[in-house]
Protein backbone atom coordinates (compact mmCIF):
# COMPACT_ATOMS: atom_id res chain seq x y z
CA MET A 1 -4.91 82.67 179.28
CA ALA A 2 -3.95 86.30 178.70
CA ARG A 3 -7.01 88.34 177.69
CA ILE A 4 -5.16 89.70 174.66
CA ASP A 5 -5.09 86.16 173.23
CA ALA A 6 -8.79 86.45 172.34
CA PHE A 7 -8.01 89.25 169.87
CA LEU A 8 -5.06 87.32 168.47
CA LYS A 9 -7.18 84.19 168.02
CA LEU A 10 -9.86 86.20 166.19
CA GLY A 11 -7.24 87.79 163.96
CA LEU A 12 -5.76 84.44 163.00
CA ALA A 13 -9.20 83.01 162.30
CA GLN A 14 -9.80 85.90 159.87
CA GLY A 15 -6.44 85.32 158.16
CA CYS A 16 -4.98 88.72 159.00
CA SER A 17 -1.28 89.59 159.00
CA ASP A 18 -1.32 92.12 161.86
CA ILE A 19 -3.45 93.03 164.87
CA HIS A 20 -3.36 96.68 166.03
CA LEU A 21 -4.43 97.73 169.52
CA ALA A 22 -4.62 101.41 170.41
CA VAL A 23 -6.50 103.60 172.90
CA GLY A 24 -9.67 105.27 171.61
CA VAL A 25 -10.42 102.89 168.74
CA PRO A 26 -11.52 99.24 168.50
CA PRO A 27 -8.93 96.57 167.69
CA MET A 28 -7.89 96.67 164.03
CA LEU A 29 -6.91 93.84 161.68
CA ARG A 30 -4.60 94.16 158.68
CA MET A 31 -6.36 92.16 155.98
CA HIS A 32 -4.46 91.77 152.68
CA GLY A 33 -2.97 95.23 153.11
CA ASP A 34 -6.08 97.07 154.38
CA LEU A 35 -6.73 98.02 158.02
CA MET A 36 -10.20 96.99 159.23
CA PRO A 37 -11.82 97.44 162.68
CA ILE A 38 -13.45 94.51 164.42
CA LYS A 39 -16.83 94.76 166.14
CA PHE A 40 -15.69 95.77 169.60
CA ARG A 41 -15.84 98.85 171.79
CA ASP A 42 -13.17 101.53 171.70
CA LEU A 43 -10.30 100.47 173.93
CA GLY A 44 -9.65 102.48 177.09
CA ASP A 45 -6.20 103.45 178.39
CA THR A 46 -6.36 101.44 181.64
CA GLU A 47 -8.05 98.52 179.87
CA LEU A 48 -5.41 98.20 177.15
CA GLU A 49 -2.53 98.70 179.58
CA GLY A 50 -3.94 95.79 181.57
CA TYR A 51 -4.15 93.58 178.50
CA VAL A 52 -0.57 94.33 177.48
CA GLY A 53 0.77 94.09 181.02
CA GLU A 54 -0.35 90.45 181.25
CA ILE A 55 2.17 89.36 178.60
CA LEU A 56 5.18 91.46 179.68
CA THR A 57 8.05 90.28 181.85
CA PRO A 58 9.00 92.46 184.87
CA THR A 59 11.99 93.77 182.91
CA GLN A 60 9.83 94.67 179.92
CA SER A 61 7.28 96.40 182.18
CA LYS A 62 10.04 98.47 183.73
CA ARG A 63 11.41 99.49 180.33
CA LEU A 64 7.94 100.45 179.07
CA LYS A 65 7.28 102.58 182.15
CA GLY A 66 10.66 104.22 181.54
CA GLY A 67 9.52 105.36 178.12
CA SER A 68 11.16 102.71 175.93
CA ASP A 69 9.41 100.92 173.08
CA LEU A 70 9.46 97.14 173.26
CA ASP A 71 10.14 94.60 170.49
CA PHE A 72 9.73 90.94 171.39
CA ALA A 73 8.24 87.64 170.27
CA TYR A 74 5.09 86.31 171.93
CA VAL A 75 3.52 82.84 171.80
CA SER A 76 -0.21 82.82 172.53
CA GLU A 77 -2.10 80.16 174.46
CA ASP A 78 -3.09 78.55 171.14
CA GLY A 79 0.53 78.35 170.01
CA GLY A 80 0.41 81.25 167.57
CA ARG A 81 3.71 83.13 167.37
CA PHE A 82 3.80 86.92 166.97
CA ARG A 83 6.34 89.69 166.60
CA VAL A 84 5.21 92.41 169.00
CA ASN A 85 5.91 96.13 169.23
CA VAL A 86 4.58 97.94 172.30
CA PHE A 87 4.81 101.73 172.53
CA ARG A 88 3.40 104.75 174.28
CA LYS A 89 1.66 107.68 172.61
CA GLU A 90 -0.24 110.72 173.78
CA THR A 91 -3.41 108.83 174.68
CA GLY A 92 -1.70 105.81 176.26
CA VAL A 93 -0.16 102.49 175.38
CA GLY A 94 -0.41 100.86 171.94
CA ALA A 95 0.66 97.51 170.49
CA THR A 96 1.05 95.83 167.12
CA PHE A 97 1.14 92.05 166.73
CA ARG A 98 2.44 90.52 163.50
CA PHE A 99 1.65 86.85 162.93
CA ILE A 100 4.65 84.61 162.24
CA PRO A 101 3.66 81.39 160.41
CA GLY A 102 4.67 78.20 162.17
CA SER A 103 6.24 76.69 159.05
CA ILE A 104 9.13 78.36 157.27
CA PRO A 105 8.23 79.26 153.68
CA THR A 106 10.44 77.96 150.88
CA LEU A 107 11.83 79.96 147.98
CA GLU A 108 9.59 77.86 145.76
CA SER A 109 6.43 78.59 147.75
CA LEU A 110 7.19 82.33 147.60
CA ASP A 111 7.71 81.94 143.84
CA LEU A 112 10.79 84.16 143.93
CA PRO A 113 12.94 84.39 140.79
CA ALA A 114 15.41 81.53 140.31
CA VAL A 115 18.34 83.93 140.65
CA VAL A 116 17.57 84.30 144.38
CA ARG A 117 18.37 80.62 144.85
CA THR A 118 21.60 81.10 142.91
CA LEU A 119 22.58 84.00 145.17
CA CYS A 120 22.42 81.67 148.18
CA SER A 121 25.37 79.72 146.73
CA HIS A 122 27.75 82.67 147.23
CA HIS A 123 30.32 81.97 149.92
CA GLN A 124 31.15 85.58 150.72
CA GLY A 125 29.97 89.12 150.13
CA MET A 126 26.72 90.87 151.02
CA ILE A 127 23.13 90.40 149.89
CA LEU A 128 20.64 93.07 150.93
CA VAL A 129 16.88 92.49 151.05
CA THR A 130 15.13 95.85 151.14
CA GLY A 131 11.67 97.36 151.14
CA SER A 132 9.24 99.29 153.29
CA THR A 133 8.03 97.96 156.63
CA GLY A 134 5.66 95.01 156.19
CA THR A 135 6.78 93.96 152.71
CA GLY A 136 7.94 90.48 153.71
CA LYS A 137 11.70 91.02 154.01
CA SER A 138 11.96 88.73 157.04
CA THR A 139 9.98 86.04 155.22
CA THR A 140 12.30 86.14 152.20
CA LEU A 141 15.38 85.98 154.42
CA ALA A 142 13.89 83.05 156.35
CA ALA A 143 13.34 81.19 153.07
CA MET A 144 16.94 81.88 152.03
CA ILE A 145 18.28 80.63 155.36
CA ASP A 146 16.08 77.54 155.10
CA HIS A 147 17.45 76.87 151.61
CA LEU A 148 21.01 77.09 152.95
CA ASN A 149 20.05 74.89 155.88
CA ASN A 150 18.78 72.20 153.50
CA THR A 151 21.56 72.34 150.94
CA GLN A 152 24.84 73.34 152.58
CA ASN A 153 27.00 72.29 155.50
CA CYS A 154 27.75 75.60 157.16
CA ASN A 155 27.52 77.57 160.39
CA ILE A 156 24.75 80.18 160.16
CA ILE A 157 24.48 82.87 162.84
CA SER A 158 21.25 84.86 162.72
CA LEU A 159 20.98 88.15 164.66
CA GLU A 160 17.34 89.22 164.96
CA ASP A 161 15.11 91.80 166.65
CA PRO A 162 13.17 89.80 167.72
CA ILE A 163 13.59 86.17 166.67
CA GLU A 164 10.71 85.39 164.30
CA PHE A 165 10.84 82.09 162.42
CA ILE A 166 12.38 79.27 164.47
CA HIS A 167 14.96 77.33 162.43
CA ARG A 168 16.00 73.78 163.32
CA SER A 169 19.49 72.76 162.27
CA LYS A 170 19.47 70.34 159.33
CA GLN A 171 22.55 70.12 157.11
CA SER A 172 23.75 73.39 158.62
CA GLN A 173 24.08 74.54 162.20
CA ILE A 174 21.83 77.55 162.87
CA ILE A 175 22.38 79.81 165.88
CA GLN A 176 19.68 82.43 166.45
CA ARG A 177 20.40 85.34 168.79
CA GLU A 178 17.99 88.07 169.81
CA LEU A 179 18.71 91.75 170.31
CA GLY A 180 18.16 92.75 173.92
CA THR A 181 18.05 89.11 175.08
CA HIS A 182 21.34 87.65 173.86
CA LEU A 183 23.19 90.71 172.57
CA PRO A 184 23.15 94.47 173.25
CA SER A 185 23.31 95.62 169.61
CA PHE A 186 23.62 94.28 166.07
CA ALA A 187 27.16 95.64 165.85
CA GLU A 188 28.19 93.73 168.98
CA GLY A 189 26.41 90.65 167.65
CA ILE A 190 28.45 90.75 164.42
CA ARG A 191 31.66 91.35 166.38
CA ALA A 192 30.93 88.29 168.52
CA ALA A 193 29.83 86.21 165.50
CA LEU A 194 33.21 86.75 163.84
CA ARG A 195 34.77 84.84 166.75
CA GLU A 196 32.31 81.94 166.36
CA ASP A 197 33.56 80.48 163.06
CA PRO A 198 30.58 81.60 160.94
CA ASP A 199 30.01 80.91 157.28
CA VAL A 200 26.82 82.99 157.03
CA ILE A 201 25.75 85.93 159.19
CA LEU A 202 22.22 87.32 159.00
CA VAL A 203 21.81 90.86 160.37
CA GLY A 204 18.20 91.78 161.10
CA GLU A 205 18.68 95.43 160.14
CA LEU A 206 21.61 97.60 159.12
CA ARG A 207 20.27 100.49 161.15
CA ASP A 208 23.36 102.52 162.06
CA ALA A 209 26.90 103.31 160.92
CA GLU A 210 28.58 100.91 163.36
CA THR A 211 26.41 97.99 162.24
CA ILE A 212 27.03 98.78 158.56
CA GLN A 213 30.80 98.95 159.17
CA MET A 214 30.85 95.62 161.04
CA ALA A 215 28.71 93.96 158.35
CA MET A 216 31.08 95.26 155.68
CA THR A 217 34.05 93.86 157.60
CA ALA A 218 32.36 90.46 157.85
CA ALA A 219 31.56 90.41 154.12
CA GLU A 220 35.11 91.44 153.18
CA THR A 221 36.72 88.75 155.34
CA GLY A 222 35.22 85.71 153.65
CA HIS A 223 31.68 85.49 155.05
CA LEU A 224 28.28 85.68 153.39
CA VAL A 225 26.29 88.47 155.04
CA LEU A 226 22.51 88.79 154.60
CA GLY A 227 20.90 91.99 155.81
CA THR A 228 17.93 94.32 155.45
CA LEU A 229 17.44 98.03 154.88
CA HIS A 230 14.22 100.06 154.77
CA THR A 231 14.93 101.36 151.28
CA THR A 232 12.81 101.12 148.14
CA GLY A 233 15.15 100.30 145.30
CA ALA A 234 18.74 99.43 144.46
CA VAL A 235 19.87 103.01 143.85
CA LYS A 236 18.42 104.27 147.13
CA THR A 237 19.98 101.29 148.94
CA ILE A 238 23.46 102.01 147.60
CA ASP A 239 23.12 105.72 148.38
CA ARG A 240 21.88 104.90 151.88
CA VAL A 241 24.93 102.72 152.65
CA ILE A 242 27.33 105.37 151.34
CA ASP A 243 25.56 108.24 153.13
CA GLY A 244 25.13 106.22 156.32
CA LEU A 245 28.87 106.19 157.00
CA PRO A 246 31.14 109.11 158.03
CA GLY A 247 32.32 111.32 155.18
CA ASP A 248 35.91 110.16 155.46
CA MET A 249 34.73 106.59 154.74
CA ARG A 250 32.92 107.50 151.52
CA GLU A 251 35.58 106.12 149.17
CA GLN A 252 35.99 103.01 151.32
CA SER A 253 32.25 102.32 151.28
CA LYS A 254 32.06 102.79 147.50
CA SER A 255 34.96 100.36 147.07
CA PHE A 256 33.24 97.83 149.35
CA LEU A 257 29.96 98.03 147.43
CA ALA A 258 31.72 97.67 144.08
CA GLN A 259 33.71 94.64 145.21
CA SER A 260 31.62 92.87 147.86
CA LEU A 261 27.93 93.69 147.32
CA ASN A 262 26.50 90.66 145.52
CA ALA A 263 22.92 91.81 145.08
CA VAL A 264 20.07 94.03 146.21
CA ILE A 265 16.61 92.47 146.31
CA THR A 266 13.84 95.04 146.79
CA GLN A 267 10.34 93.76 147.33
CA THR A 268 6.79 94.83 147.85
CA LEU A 269 3.56 92.93 148.45
CA VAL A 270 0.78 93.26 145.88
CA ARG A 271 -2.75 91.87 146.11
CA THR A 272 -3.62 88.75 144.17
CA PRO A 273 -6.44 89.04 141.58
CA ASP A 274 -9.00 87.45 143.92
CA GLY A 275 -8.12 89.93 146.70
CA ARG A 276 -7.61 87.11 149.20
CA GLY A 277 -3.86 87.34 149.54
CA ARG A 278 -0.72 89.23 148.62
CA ARG A 279 2.25 88.22 146.54
CA ALA A 280 5.87 89.35 146.70
CA VAL A 281 7.07 91.22 143.62
CA VAL A 282 10.79 91.95 143.52
CA GLU A 283 13.31 94.21 141.86
CA ILE A 284 16.75 92.60 141.58
CA MET A 285 20.14 94.20 141.08
CA LEU A 286 23.20 91.98 140.63
CA MET A 287 26.67 93.47 140.86
CA THR A 288 28.39 93.68 137.49
CA ARG A 289 31.51 95.49 136.30
CA ALA A 290 29.34 98.18 134.74
CA ILE A 291 27.40 98.81 137.97
CA ALA A 292 30.60 98.71 140.02
CA LYS A 293 32.06 101.42 137.77
CA LEU A 294 28.93 103.56 138.18
CA ILE A 295 29.24 103.31 141.96
CA MET A 296 32.93 104.25 141.95
CA THR A 297 32.29 107.25 139.66
CA ASP A 298 29.26 108.57 141.60
CA GLN A 299 26.82 107.77 138.80
CA THR A 300 24.41 105.58 140.75
CA HIS A 301 21.48 107.33 139.03
CA GLN A 302 22.38 105.34 135.91
CA ILE A 303 22.04 101.95 137.63
CA ALA A 304 18.34 101.75 136.71
CA ALA A 305 19.27 101.47 133.04
CA GLN A 306 21.57 98.55 133.84
CA LEU A 307 18.74 96.73 135.62
CA GLN A 308 16.46 97.28 132.65
CA THR A 309 18.93 95.79 130.16
CA GLY A 310 20.25 93.05 132.45
CA ARG A 311 17.31 90.65 132.33
CA ASP A 312 19.40 87.88 130.79
CA LEU A 313 21.52 87.97 133.97
CA GLY A 314 18.47 87.78 136.24
CA MET A 315 18.06 91.49 136.93
CA GLN A 316 14.75 93.31 136.72
CA MET A 317 13.21 96.67 137.55
CA MET A 318 10.19 96.76 139.84
CA ASP A 319 8.01 97.97 136.95
CA GLN A 320 9.19 95.04 134.79
CA ALA A 321 8.37 92.58 137.57
CA LEU A 322 4.94 94.14 138.10
CA MET A 323 4.18 94.00 134.39
CA ASP A 324 5.22 90.34 134.16
CA ALA A 325 3.01 89.47 137.13
CA ILE A 326 0.02 91.30 135.62
CA GLN A 327 0.41 89.49 132.31
CA LYS A 328 0.59 86.16 134.15
CA LYS A 329 -2.56 87.16 136.09
CA GLN A 330 -0.70 86.75 139.39
CA ILE A 331 -1.54 90.19 140.85
CA ASP A 332 -4.37 92.71 140.83
CA PRO A 333 -3.60 95.36 138.16
CA ASP A 334 -5.29 98.09 140.20
CA ASP A 335 -2.99 97.40 143.16
CA ALA A 336 0.02 97.10 140.85
CA PHE A 337 -0.73 100.58 139.50
CA ARG A 338 -0.23 101.98 143.01
CA PHE A 339 3.31 100.57 143.21
CA ALA A 340 4.44 101.33 139.66
CA ALA A 341 7.04 104.06 139.10
CA ASP A 342 5.99 104.80 135.51
CA LYS A 343 2.24 104.67 135.96
CA SER A 344 1.53 105.49 132.34
CA LEU A 345 2.61 101.95 131.38
CA PHE A 346 -0.03 100.44 133.67
CA GLN A 347 -3.07 102.64 133.06
CA ARG A 348 -4.47 100.39 130.33
CA PHE A 349 -4.67 97.47 132.77
CA VAL A 350 -6.56 99.35 135.49
CA THR A 351 -10.15 98.19 135.99
CA ASP A 352 -11.12 100.62 138.77
CA LYS A 353 -10.80 104.00 137.05
CA SER A 354 -11.09 105.82 140.40
CA VAL A 355 -7.44 104.94 141.14
CA LEU A 356 -6.27 106.87 138.08
CA PRO A 357 -5.03 110.45 138.58
CA LYS A 358 -7.56 113.12 137.79
CA PHE A 359 -6.47 116.02 135.62
CA GLU A 360 -8.16 119.39 135.70
CA VAL A 361 -9.04 120.92 132.36
CA SER A 362 -8.46 124.68 132.37
CA GLU A 363 -10.99 126.88 130.64
CA SER A 364 -9.61 129.02 127.85
């Protein structure tokens, strides 16, 4: 058994989401959003490099020594599956392990809005799931793929970095390919997928102009494309796609978004009232004629108003979703206050007054 498995086993027993290992500090566990050290000595450079080296392949070891970061999936001796990032910093090697549950969550278990299930019935276009790192984007996408797998007869090609949840083909055929193992880049993966008779293509991350262009091509040619971006809101997502392409493609990208973007789902994770878990809260933008016109006329800053008034269509602002969850006692109001855009609306719900902003009173 690799020595690092002992830390992973302890982390799972505590119910953490991530295990952090770095030189000069003890191992850390991410518990419901907070980072907490375990009772262990500070890790040394040679010690930690030995731990990590036990789980690397010769190719991975060579890449790490060459200065590259590593992203891969690891299965511990106990069968726990983790997404791993290994990196080097000034004091030595470091690693982060994110636990991947063995069972794929359902849309129902995540308690996502019903409109998310409706979006899965689209046969072409693009759906973007966005949010900061660690907000559960991969989990939401896995639930969407599982829903398709259980309800539709289609060919689903999933391009991931690395492969996280393992899908078994049910009504659909699911092909999972991993960056660095089965394909050199997401763009090349999409290009190859288009020759493999896909109905649905999942792109782990739209991280560069070439990938965005290929994903747009796939969505425009009769495929449903699911992808992620590290953006925090519909407006920022749309601006990121437009700005992420060369200037001479600006009009083309605006036209694509207006015609082929089905929805943007932006999510964050907020603590539950008992502090023992976190719950996904989502902002949802659905493409309408009004929003399409705003995109084409460079008025994306007005999209927020459309989300606010489009609740009957299934749209909602993040603040609206947070407020609903507070009123249903699904989330901790103090944690919700941290994520709210208009904090003044949430101050009356805060129980820990120390989280409120402090204002200095000037002497006259």
